[in-house]
N, C-alpha and C. Protein backbone atom coordinates (compact mmCIF):
# COMPACT_ATOMS: atom_id res chain seq x y z
N MET A 1 22.18 -17.93 -21.88
CA MET A 1 21.10 -18.15 -20.93
C MET A 1 20.04 -17.07 -21.17
N SER A 2 18.77 -17.50 -21.24
CA SER A 2 17.71 -16.55 -21.51
C SER A 2 17.23 -15.89 -20.22
N GLU A 3 16.73 -14.67 -20.36
CA GLU A 3 16.25 -13.92 -19.21
C GLU A 3 14.88 -14.50 -18.78
N GLN A 4 14.72 -14.69 -17.45
CA GLN A 4 13.48 -15.24 -16.95
C GLN A 4 12.34 -14.20 -17.06
N LYS A 5 11.20 -14.59 -17.58
CA LYS A 5 10.03 -13.72 -17.68
C LYS A 5 9.25 -13.80 -16.39
N LEU A 6 8.87 -12.65 -15.86
CA LEU A 6 8.02 -12.60 -14.69
C LEU A 6 6.60 -12.92 -15.14
N GLY A 7 5.86 -13.63 -14.33
CA GLY A 7 4.56 -14.04 -14.79
C GLY A 7 3.40 -13.79 -13.84
N GLN A 8 3.46 -14.34 -12.63
CA GLN A 8 2.29 -14.31 -11.73
C GLN A 8 2.29 -13.04 -10.88
N LEU A 9 1.23 -12.25 -11.08
CA LEU A 9 1.03 -11.02 -10.31
C LEU A 9 0.27 -11.38 -9.04
N ASN A 10 0.86 -11.07 -7.88
CA ASN A 10 0.24 -11.33 -6.59
C ASN A 10 -0.13 -10.03 -5.97
N ILE A 11 -1.44 -9.82 -5.73
CA ILE A 11 -1.89 -8.61 -5.02
C ILE A 11 -1.86 -8.96 -3.53
N ILE A 12 -0.98 -8.31 -2.81
CA ILE A 12 -0.78 -8.59 -1.39
C ILE A 12 -1.85 -7.86 -0.55
N ALA A 13 -2.10 -6.60 -0.93
CA ALA A 13 -3.13 -5.77 -0.22
C ALA A 13 -3.51 -4.63 -1.14
N ALA A 14 -4.80 -4.24 -1.04
CA ALA A 14 -5.26 -3.07 -1.81
C ALA A 14 -6.25 -2.31 -0.93
N VAL A 15 -6.10 -0.98 -0.92
CA VAL A 15 -6.98 -0.12 -0.15
C VAL A 15 -7.45 1.02 -1.03
N TYR A 16 -8.74 1.27 -1.04
CA TYR A 16 -9.36 2.34 -1.79
C TYR A 16 -10.10 3.22 -0.83
N GLY A 17 -9.63 4.46 -0.65
CA GLY A 17 -10.23 5.32 0.36
C GLY A 17 -10.03 4.74 1.73
N LEU A 18 -11.14 4.41 2.41
CA LEU A 18 -11.08 3.84 3.76
C LEU A 18 -11.34 2.34 3.78
N GLN A 19 -11.43 1.71 2.59
CA GLN A 19 -11.86 0.32 2.52
C GLN A 19 -10.71 -0.58 1.97
N THR A 20 -10.56 -1.73 2.57
CA THR A 20 -9.68 -2.76 2.00
C THR A 20 -10.41 -3.45 0.87
N VAL A 21 -9.80 -3.46 -0.32
CA VAL A 21 -10.48 -3.98 -1.51
C VAL A 21 -9.58 -5.01 -2.23
N THR A 22 -8.82 -5.75 -1.48
CA THR A 22 -7.85 -6.66 -2.02
C THR A 22 -8.49 -7.67 -3.00
N GLU A 23 -9.59 -8.31 -2.60
CA GLU A 23 -10.23 -9.33 -3.47
C GLU A 23 -10.78 -8.69 -4.73
N GLN A 24 -11.38 -7.51 -4.62
CA GLN A 24 -11.93 -6.83 -5.81
C GLN A 24 -10.79 -6.58 -6.82
N ILE A 25 -9.63 -6.16 -6.34
CA ILE A 25 -8.52 -5.87 -7.24
C ILE A 25 -7.94 -7.14 -7.81
N ARG A 26 -7.85 -8.17 -7.01
CA ARG A 26 -7.38 -9.48 -7.55
C ARG A 26 -8.25 -9.94 -8.74
N ASN A 27 -9.54 -9.66 -8.64
CA ASN A 27 -10.46 -10.06 -9.72
C ASN A 27 -10.27 -9.26 -10.99
N LEU A 28 -9.54 -8.18 -10.95
CA LEU A 28 -9.31 -7.34 -12.14
C LEU A 28 -8.01 -7.72 -12.90
N ILE A 29 -7.25 -8.66 -12.35
CA ILE A 29 -5.99 -9.06 -13.01
C ILE A 29 -6.31 -9.68 -14.38
N THR A 30 -5.52 -9.29 -15.38
CA THR A 30 -5.64 -9.85 -16.70
C THR A 30 -4.66 -11.02 -16.83
N ASP A 31 -5.25 -12.20 -17.13
CA ASP A 31 -4.41 -13.37 -17.33
C ASP A 31 -3.57 -13.24 -18.57
N GLY A 32 -2.41 -13.79 -18.54
CA GLY A 32 -1.49 -13.76 -19.67
C GLY A 32 -0.13 -14.15 -19.13
N SER A 33 0.84 -14.02 -19.96
CA SER A 33 2.21 -14.27 -19.54
C SER A 33 3.02 -13.05 -19.95
N PRO A 34 3.19 -12.11 -19.07
CA PRO A 34 2.85 -12.07 -17.66
C PRO A 34 1.42 -11.59 -17.39
N GLN A 35 0.97 -11.78 -16.14
CA GLN A 35 -0.29 -11.21 -15.72
C GLN A 35 -0.10 -9.71 -15.53
N THR A 36 -1.15 -8.94 -15.82
CA THR A 36 -1.07 -7.49 -15.69
C THR A 36 -2.34 -6.97 -15.02
N LEU A 37 -2.33 -5.71 -14.70
CA LEU A 37 -3.50 -5.05 -14.10
C LEU A 37 -3.56 -3.65 -14.63
N SER A 38 -4.71 -3.26 -15.15
CA SER A 38 -4.91 -1.89 -15.63
C SER A 38 -6.38 -1.56 -15.59
N PHE A 39 -6.73 -0.46 -14.92
CA PHE A 39 -8.13 -0.04 -14.84
C PHE A 39 -8.21 1.41 -14.42
N ILE A 40 -9.34 2.01 -14.71
CA ILE A 40 -9.58 3.39 -14.26
C ILE A 40 -10.04 3.32 -12.82
N VAL A 41 -9.41 4.09 -11.96
CA VAL A 41 -9.69 4.08 -10.54
C VAL A 41 -10.99 4.87 -10.32
N ASN A 42 -12.07 4.13 -10.07
CA ASN A 42 -13.35 4.73 -9.76
C ASN A 42 -14.23 3.72 -9.05
N ASN A 43 -15.33 4.18 -8.51
CA ASN A 43 -16.21 3.31 -7.75
C ASN A 43 -16.75 2.17 -8.60
N LYS A 44 -17.04 2.43 -9.85
CA LYS A 44 -17.59 1.40 -10.72
C LYS A 44 -16.57 0.27 -10.98
N SER A 45 -15.36 0.62 -11.30
CA SER A 45 -14.34 -0.39 -11.57
C SER A 45 -14.05 -1.25 -10.36
N ILE A 46 -14.01 -0.60 -9.18
CA ILE A 46 -13.65 -1.31 -7.96
C ILE A 46 -14.85 -1.98 -7.34
N GLY A 47 -16.04 -1.48 -7.59
CA GLY A 47 -17.24 -2.12 -7.07
C GLY A 47 -17.76 -1.58 -5.78
N GLU A 48 -17.20 -0.50 -5.32
CA GLU A 48 -17.70 0.16 -4.11
C GLU A 48 -17.11 1.55 -3.96
N ASP A 49 -17.75 2.35 -3.14
CA ASP A 49 -17.27 3.70 -2.84
C ASP A 49 -16.54 3.62 -1.51
N GLY A 50 -15.20 3.66 -1.57
CA GLY A 50 -14.40 3.47 -0.38
C GLY A 50 -14.38 4.62 0.61
N TRP A 51 -14.97 5.76 0.28
CA TRP A 51 -15.03 6.89 1.19
C TRP A 51 -16.08 7.83 0.60
N VAL A 52 -17.31 7.63 0.97
CA VAL A 52 -18.45 8.34 0.40
C VAL A 52 -18.27 9.85 0.49
N GLY A 53 -18.45 10.51 -0.64
CA GLY A 53 -18.38 11.98 -0.69
C GLY A 53 -16.99 12.55 -0.79
N GLN A 54 -15.95 11.71 -0.85
CA GLN A 54 -14.58 12.19 -0.92
C GLN A 54 -13.88 11.65 -2.17
N MET A 55 -12.94 12.42 -2.69
CA MET A 55 -12.04 11.90 -3.74
C MET A 55 -11.14 10.90 -3.02
N LYS A 56 -10.82 9.84 -3.70
CA LYS A 56 -10.06 8.76 -3.09
C LYS A 56 -8.80 8.47 -3.86
N SER A 57 -7.88 7.81 -3.16
CA SER A 57 -6.69 7.26 -3.80
C SER A 57 -6.73 5.75 -3.55
N ILE A 58 -5.98 5.04 -4.39
CA ILE A 58 -5.86 3.58 -4.22
C ILE A 58 -4.39 3.26 -3.95
N THR A 59 -4.18 2.32 -3.06
CA THR A 59 -2.87 1.77 -2.76
C THR A 59 -2.91 0.29 -3.04
N ILE A 60 -1.98 -0.18 -3.86
CA ILE A 60 -1.89 -1.62 -4.15
C ILE A 60 -0.49 -2.07 -3.88
N VAL A 61 -0.34 -3.03 -2.96
CA VAL A 61 0.94 -3.65 -2.62
C VAL A 61 0.95 -4.98 -3.38
N TYR A 62 2.02 -5.22 -4.14
CA TYR A 62 2.04 -6.41 -4.99
C TYR A 62 3.48 -6.94 -5.17
N ASP A 63 3.54 -8.11 -5.74
CA ASP A 63 4.83 -8.67 -6.21
C ASP A 63 4.59 -9.47 -7.45
N TYR A 64 5.66 -9.82 -8.12
CA TYR A 64 5.60 -10.77 -9.23
C TYR A 64 6.40 -12.00 -8.81
N ASP A 65 5.74 -13.17 -8.95
CA ASP A 65 6.41 -14.45 -8.69
C ASP A 65 7.03 -14.50 -7.30
N ASN A 66 6.37 -13.92 -6.30
CA ASN A 66 6.83 -13.92 -4.91
C ASN A 66 8.17 -13.22 -4.73
N GLY A 67 8.48 -12.26 -5.61
CA GLY A 67 9.71 -11.51 -5.53
C GLY A 67 9.56 -10.30 -4.59
N ASP A 68 10.31 -9.25 -4.84
CA ASP A 68 10.27 -8.03 -4.02
C ASP A 68 8.88 -7.41 -4.02
N LEU A 69 8.49 -6.85 -2.86
CA LEU A 69 7.24 -6.12 -2.78
C LEU A 69 7.39 -4.75 -3.41
N HIS A 70 6.32 -4.32 -4.06
CA HIS A 70 6.24 -2.98 -4.66
C HIS A 70 4.90 -2.38 -4.36
N VAL A 71 4.80 -1.05 -4.51
CA VAL A 71 3.54 -0.36 -4.27
C VAL A 71 3.18 0.48 -5.51
N ALA A 72 1.92 0.46 -5.84
CA ALA A 72 1.43 1.33 -6.91
C ALA A 72 0.27 2.14 -6.31
N THR A 73 0.20 3.42 -6.67
CA THR A 73 -0.85 4.28 -6.20
C THR A 73 -1.42 5.11 -7.35
N ALA A 74 -2.62 5.53 -7.19
CA ALA A 74 -3.25 6.42 -8.16
C ALA A 74 -4.41 7.12 -7.47
N ILE A 75 -4.85 8.22 -8.05
CA ILE A 75 -6.00 8.95 -7.53
C ILE A 75 -7.21 8.62 -8.39
N GLU A 76 -8.38 8.81 -7.75
CA GLU A 76 -9.65 8.54 -8.43
C GLU A 76 -9.68 9.30 -9.76
N GLY A 77 -10.08 8.59 -10.79
CA GLY A 77 -10.17 9.15 -12.11
C GLY A 77 -8.98 8.83 -13.00
N ASP A 78 -7.84 8.51 -12.40
CA ASP A 78 -6.66 8.14 -13.18
C ASP A 78 -6.68 6.64 -13.50
N THR A 79 -5.84 6.22 -14.42
CA THR A 79 -5.66 4.81 -14.74
C THR A 79 -4.45 4.32 -13.97
N ILE A 80 -4.59 3.17 -13.34
CA ILE A 80 -3.48 2.51 -12.68
C ILE A 80 -3.11 1.29 -13.48
N SER A 81 -1.82 1.11 -13.70
CA SER A 81 -1.33 -0.03 -14.49
C SER A 81 -0.17 -0.70 -13.77
N ILE A 82 -0.20 -2.00 -13.73
CA ILE A 82 0.88 -2.78 -13.14
C ILE A 82 1.29 -3.83 -14.14
N ASN A 83 2.57 -3.82 -14.48
CA ASN A 83 3.13 -4.85 -15.33
C ASN A 83 4.64 -4.93 -15.01
N PRO A 84 5.27 -6.04 -15.33
CA PRO A 84 6.66 -6.19 -14.94
C PRO A 84 7.62 -5.19 -15.58
N ASP A 85 7.25 -4.57 -16.71
CA ASP A 85 8.10 -3.56 -17.31
C ASP A 85 8.28 -2.34 -16.44
N LYS A 86 7.33 -2.08 -15.50
CA LYS A 86 7.39 -0.93 -14.63
C LYS A 86 8.26 -1.18 -13.38
N LEU A 87 8.66 -2.42 -13.14
CA LEU A 87 9.37 -2.72 -11.89
C LEU A 87 10.72 -2.03 -11.80
N GLY A 88 11.39 -1.80 -12.89
CA GLY A 88 12.71 -1.16 -12.86
C GLY A 88 12.65 0.26 -12.28
N SER A 89 11.53 0.95 -12.40
CA SER A 89 11.45 2.30 -11.95
C SER A 89 10.94 2.44 -10.51
N GLN A 90 10.61 1.32 -9.89
CA GLN A 90 10.10 1.36 -8.53
C GLN A 90 11.08 0.76 -7.53
N ARG A 91 11.13 1.33 -6.35
CA ARG A 91 12.02 0.84 -5.31
C ARG A 91 11.40 -0.37 -4.64
N PRO A 92 12.15 -1.47 -4.50
CA PRO A 92 11.65 -2.55 -3.67
C PRO A 92 11.72 -2.16 -2.20
N PHE A 93 10.92 -2.79 -1.39
CA PHE A 93 10.89 -2.47 0.03
C PHE A 93 12.05 -3.15 0.74
N ILE A 94 12.58 -2.48 1.78
CA ILE A 94 13.59 -3.11 2.59
C ILE A 94 13.02 -3.15 4.02
N PRO A 95 13.34 -4.20 4.76
CA PRO A 95 12.80 -4.28 6.13
C PRO A 95 13.40 -3.19 7.04
N GLU A 96 12.63 -2.79 8.04
CA GLU A 96 13.15 -1.82 8.98
C GLU A 96 14.16 -2.51 9.91
N PRO A 97 15.01 -1.73 10.57
CA PRO A 97 16.10 -2.31 11.36
C PRO A 97 15.66 -3.17 12.51
N PHE A 98 14.58 -2.85 13.19
CA PHE A 98 14.13 -3.64 14.35
C PHE A 98 13.55 -4.94 13.83
N SER A 99 13.94 -6.06 14.39
CA SER A 99 13.42 -7.33 13.90
C SER A 99 13.13 -8.28 15.09
N GLY A 100 12.25 -7.83 15.97
CA GLY A 100 11.84 -8.71 17.06
C GLY A 100 11.11 -9.95 16.51
N ASN A 101 11.22 -11.04 17.18
CA ASN A 101 10.68 -12.29 16.68
C ASN A 101 9.18 -12.23 16.38
N ASN A 102 8.41 -11.60 17.24
CA ASN A 102 6.95 -11.58 17.05
C ASN A 102 6.44 -10.25 16.56
N SER A 103 7.30 -9.34 16.25
CA SER A 103 6.85 -8.02 15.86
C SER A 103 6.53 -7.99 14.35
N LEU A 104 5.71 -7.01 14.00
CA LEU A 104 5.34 -6.85 12.60
C LEU A 104 6.25 -5.82 11.96
N SER A 105 6.29 -5.86 10.64
CA SER A 105 7.06 -4.88 9.85
C SER A 105 6.09 -4.04 9.07
N VAL A 106 6.54 -2.85 8.70
CA VAL A 106 5.80 -2.01 7.78
C VAL A 106 6.12 -2.51 6.38
N LEU A 107 5.14 -3.12 5.72
CA LEU A 107 5.36 -3.59 4.36
C LEU A 107 5.22 -2.47 3.35
N ALA A 108 4.31 -1.56 3.59
CA ALA A 108 4.10 -0.45 2.65
C ALA A 108 3.30 0.64 3.39
N ALA A 109 3.46 1.86 2.91
CA ALA A 109 2.67 2.97 3.43
C ALA A 109 2.50 4.02 2.36
N THR A 110 1.31 4.59 2.29
CA THR A 110 1.04 5.66 1.32
C THR A 110 0.29 6.78 2.05
N TYR A 111 0.51 7.99 1.60
CA TYR A 111 -0.25 9.15 2.07
C TYR A 111 -0.86 9.77 0.80
N GLY A 112 -2.16 9.64 0.64
CA GLY A 112 -2.78 10.00 -0.62
C GLY A 112 -2.13 9.18 -1.71
N PRO A 113 -1.68 9.83 -2.80
CA PRO A 113 -1.08 9.06 -3.88
C PRO A 113 0.45 8.86 -3.72
N ASP A 114 1.03 9.29 -2.62
CA ASP A 114 2.49 9.18 -2.45
C ASP A 114 2.88 7.95 -1.65
N ASP A 115 3.93 7.27 -2.09
CA ASP A 115 4.55 6.16 -1.37
C ASP A 115 5.40 6.80 -0.26
N VAL A 116 5.03 6.54 0.99
CA VAL A 116 5.76 7.09 2.13
C VAL A 116 6.34 5.98 3.00
N THR A 117 6.55 4.82 2.41
CA THR A 117 7.06 3.65 3.16
C THR A 117 8.33 3.97 3.91
N TYR A 118 9.31 4.52 3.22
CA TYR A 118 10.60 4.79 3.85
C TYR A 118 10.45 5.82 4.97
N LYS A 119 9.61 6.82 4.79
CA LYS A 119 9.40 7.83 5.84
C LYS A 119 8.77 7.20 7.06
N ILE A 120 7.74 6.35 6.87
CA ILE A 120 7.11 5.70 8.01
C ILE A 120 8.12 4.81 8.74
N LYS A 121 8.93 4.07 8.00
CA LYS A 121 9.92 3.22 8.63
C LYS A 121 10.92 4.05 9.46
N SER A 122 11.21 5.25 9.06
CA SER A 122 12.11 6.12 9.79
C SER A 122 11.49 6.62 11.09
N PHE A 123 10.15 6.56 11.19
CA PHE A 123 9.45 7.00 12.41
C PHE A 123 9.39 5.91 13.48
N ILE A 124 9.77 4.70 13.18
CA ILE A 124 9.68 3.60 14.17
C ILE A 124 10.68 3.88 15.29
N SER A 125 10.15 3.90 16.52
CA SER A 125 10.97 4.22 17.69
C SER A 125 11.78 3.00 18.13
N SER A 126 12.67 3.23 19.07
CA SER A 126 13.47 2.12 19.63
C SER A 126 12.60 1.13 20.40
N TYR A 127 11.33 1.54 20.74
CA TYR A 127 10.39 0.65 21.38
C TYR A 127 9.52 -0.12 20.38
N ASN A 128 9.83 0.10 19.09
CA ASN A 128 9.11 -0.54 18.00
C ASN A 128 7.66 -0.06 17.92
N THR A 129 7.48 1.28 18.09
CA THR A 129 6.17 1.90 17.98
C THR A 129 6.22 3.01 16.92
N LEU A 130 5.05 3.34 16.44
CA LEU A 130 4.86 4.49 15.57
C LEU A 130 3.94 5.47 16.28
N SER A 131 4.32 6.74 16.34
CA SER A 131 3.49 7.73 17.00
C SER A 131 3.76 9.08 16.34
N PHE A 132 2.73 9.63 15.63
CA PHE A 132 2.88 10.91 14.96
C PHE A 132 1.51 11.42 14.54
N HIS A 133 1.45 12.67 14.14
CA HIS A 133 0.23 13.27 13.65
C HIS A 133 0.19 13.16 12.14
N VAL A 134 -0.92 12.71 11.59
CA VAL A 134 -1.09 12.52 10.14
C VAL A 134 -1.56 13.85 9.56
N ASP A 135 -0.67 14.51 8.85
CA ASP A 135 -1.03 15.76 8.21
C ASP A 135 -0.02 16.15 7.17
N ASN A 136 -0.27 17.25 6.48
CA ASN A 136 0.58 17.72 5.42
C ASN A 136 1.93 18.24 5.94
N THR A 137 1.98 18.64 7.20
CA THR A 137 3.25 19.05 7.80
C THR A 137 4.20 17.88 7.88
N THR A 138 3.64 16.73 8.21
CA THR A 138 4.46 15.49 8.34
C THR A 138 4.86 14.93 6.99
N PHE A 139 3.96 14.96 6.02
CA PHE A 139 4.17 14.25 4.74
C PHE A 139 4.24 15.15 3.52
N GLY A 140 4.05 16.45 3.69
CA GLY A 140 3.90 17.31 2.50
C GLY A 140 2.47 17.16 1.99
N ASP A 141 2.11 17.94 0.99
CA ASP A 141 0.75 17.88 0.45
C ASP A 141 0.79 17.40 -0.96
N PRO A 142 0.70 16.06 -1.14
CA PRO A 142 0.80 15.50 -2.49
C PRO A 142 -0.46 15.71 -3.34
N TRP A 143 -1.52 16.18 -2.73
CA TRP A 143 -2.80 16.28 -3.44
C TRP A 143 -3.55 17.46 -2.85
N TYR A 144 -3.16 18.65 -3.29
CA TYR A 144 -3.62 19.92 -2.69
C TYR A 144 -5.16 20.00 -2.71
N GLY A 145 -5.71 20.37 -1.55
CA GLY A 145 -7.16 20.64 -1.41
C GLY A 145 -8.03 19.41 -1.27
N ILE A 146 -7.40 18.22 -1.24
CA ILE A 146 -8.15 16.98 -1.12
C ILE A 146 -7.79 16.27 0.19
N ALA A 147 -8.79 15.81 0.93
CA ALA A 147 -8.54 15.05 2.17
C ALA A 147 -7.85 13.74 1.81
N LYS A 148 -6.83 13.40 2.57
CA LYS A 148 -6.04 12.24 2.26
C LYS A 148 -6.11 11.18 3.36
N THR A 149 -5.77 9.96 3.00
CA THR A 149 -5.67 8.90 3.95
C THR A 149 -4.21 8.41 4.01
N LEU A 150 -3.82 7.97 5.18
CA LEU A 150 -2.53 7.29 5.39
C LEU A 150 -2.87 5.82 5.50
N VAL A 151 -2.29 5.01 4.62
CA VAL A 151 -2.51 3.55 4.64
C VAL A 151 -1.19 2.92 5.03
N ILE A 152 -1.19 2.13 6.10
CA ILE A 152 -0.01 1.41 6.53
C ILE A 152 -0.34 -0.08 6.51
N VAL A 153 0.42 -0.83 5.68
CA VAL A 153 0.22 -2.27 5.56
C VAL A 153 1.30 -2.94 6.42
N LEU A 154 0.86 -3.78 7.36
CA LEU A 154 1.76 -4.41 8.32
C LEU A 154 1.76 -5.92 8.10
N GLY A 155 2.88 -6.55 8.34
CA GLY A 155 2.96 -7.99 8.21
C GLY A 155 4.36 -8.51 8.39
N LYS A 156 4.56 -9.72 7.99
CA LYS A 156 5.87 -10.36 8.02
C LYS A 156 6.11 -10.95 6.63
N ASP A 157 7.28 -10.69 6.09
CA ASP A 157 7.62 -11.10 4.72
C ASP A 157 6.54 -10.58 3.76
N HIS A 158 5.79 -11.45 3.10
CA HIS A 158 4.73 -11.04 2.19
C HIS A 158 3.34 -11.30 2.78
N ASP A 159 3.29 -11.71 4.04
CA ASP A 159 2.01 -12.00 4.68
C ASP A 159 1.48 -10.78 5.40
N VAL A 160 0.34 -10.27 4.93
CA VAL A 160 -0.28 -9.10 5.54
C VAL A 160 -1.03 -9.54 6.80
N SER A 161 -0.72 -8.86 7.90
CA SER A 161 -1.40 -9.15 9.18
C SER A 161 -2.45 -8.11 9.49
N ALA A 162 -2.19 -6.86 9.08
CA ALA A 162 -3.12 -5.78 9.38
C ALA A 162 -2.94 -4.66 8.40
N VAL A 163 -4.02 -3.96 8.13
CA VAL A 163 -3.98 -2.74 7.35
C VAL A 163 -4.57 -1.65 8.21
N GLU A 164 -3.76 -0.62 8.54
CA GLU A 164 -4.22 0.47 9.37
C GLU A 164 -4.45 1.68 8.46
N ILE A 165 -5.61 2.31 8.59
CA ILE A 165 -5.98 3.46 7.78
C ILE A 165 -6.29 4.63 8.67
N PHE A 166 -5.63 5.75 8.42
CA PHE A 166 -5.85 6.97 9.19
C PHE A 166 -6.23 8.10 8.22
N THR A 167 -7.16 8.94 8.62
CA THR A 167 -7.47 10.10 7.82
C THR A 167 -6.57 11.28 8.21
N GLU A 168 -6.44 12.20 7.28
CA GLU A 168 -5.66 13.39 7.54
C GLU A 168 -6.18 14.05 8.81
N ARG A 169 -5.27 14.53 9.63
CA ARG A 169 -5.51 15.19 10.91
C ARG A 169 -5.77 14.26 12.08
N GLU A 170 -5.64 12.96 11.87
CA GLU A 170 -5.72 11.99 12.98
C GLU A 170 -4.33 11.80 13.57
N ASN A 171 -4.29 11.25 14.78
CA ASN A 171 -3.03 10.82 15.37
C ASN A 171 -2.84 9.34 15.08
N CYS A 172 -1.66 8.97 14.74
CA CYS A 172 -1.33 7.57 14.49
C CYS A 172 -0.52 7.06 15.67
N TYR A 173 -0.97 5.94 16.24
CA TYR A 173 -0.16 5.22 17.23
C TYR A 173 -0.31 3.74 16.94
N ILE A 174 0.80 3.08 16.68
CA ILE A 174 0.79 1.64 16.45
C ILE A 174 1.97 1.05 17.22
N ASP A 175 1.65 0.05 18.03
CA ASP A 175 2.68 -0.74 18.70
C ASP A 175 2.92 -1.96 17.84
N LEU A 176 4.05 -2.02 17.13
CA LEU A 176 4.30 -3.12 16.23
C LEU A 176 4.53 -4.45 16.95
N ASN A 177 4.69 -4.41 18.29
CA ASN A 177 4.84 -5.61 19.05
C ASN A 177 3.47 -6.23 19.41
N GLU A 178 2.40 -5.43 19.31
CA GLU A 178 1.07 -5.88 19.81
C GLU A 178 -0.04 -5.72 18.81
N VAL A 179 0.24 -5.55 17.54
CA VAL A 179 -0.81 -5.39 16.56
C VAL A 179 -1.61 -6.65 16.45
N ILE A 180 -2.94 -6.50 16.58
CA ILE A 180 -3.85 -7.62 16.43
C ILE A 180 -4.27 -7.70 14.98
N PRO A 181 -4.05 -8.84 14.33
CA PRO A 181 -4.41 -8.94 12.90
C PRO A 181 -5.85 -8.54 12.64
N THR A 182 -6.06 -7.78 11.56
CA THR A 182 -7.40 -7.35 11.19
C THR A 182 -7.86 -7.97 9.88
N ILE A 183 -7.01 -8.82 9.31
CA ILE A 183 -7.33 -9.42 8.01
C ILE A 183 -7.58 -10.89 8.19
């Protein structure tokens, strides 16, 4: 029996700085078998400045052929590449323990260039809320001397309902039972 080749790259959500840029990133996918994505992270490639005057990071939540969700991140000036050969080195997401019928899940979360999905999921209270201060004390400093954003992608299964973006030093409060879709 031959091994199945992964083919269709699905960009679930993409955030550059303070801006959701999902459609712009979808337009950068290279057709082929499999589809891939590779570009230099900068305003020109993405088509906008997601946080004027600041160095930015990009967060891309994706899957191949509607499989497990994965996250890729990079900082401005670096090259980001997504292809199925890289999937073995990345952790797929697992749902958080609370599973209310109408509540949302944390699909992905990044702080600057770091994947903090598992850490954010550990912050979910028994009331299905998130409440904490966004700073280097909470997440470490993955990008010394640069202002960072916390990006939290919320949804059910692979359907994104909201993308919440917080800047360093802000307070985060999200009630996962009452999030109003922003997408």
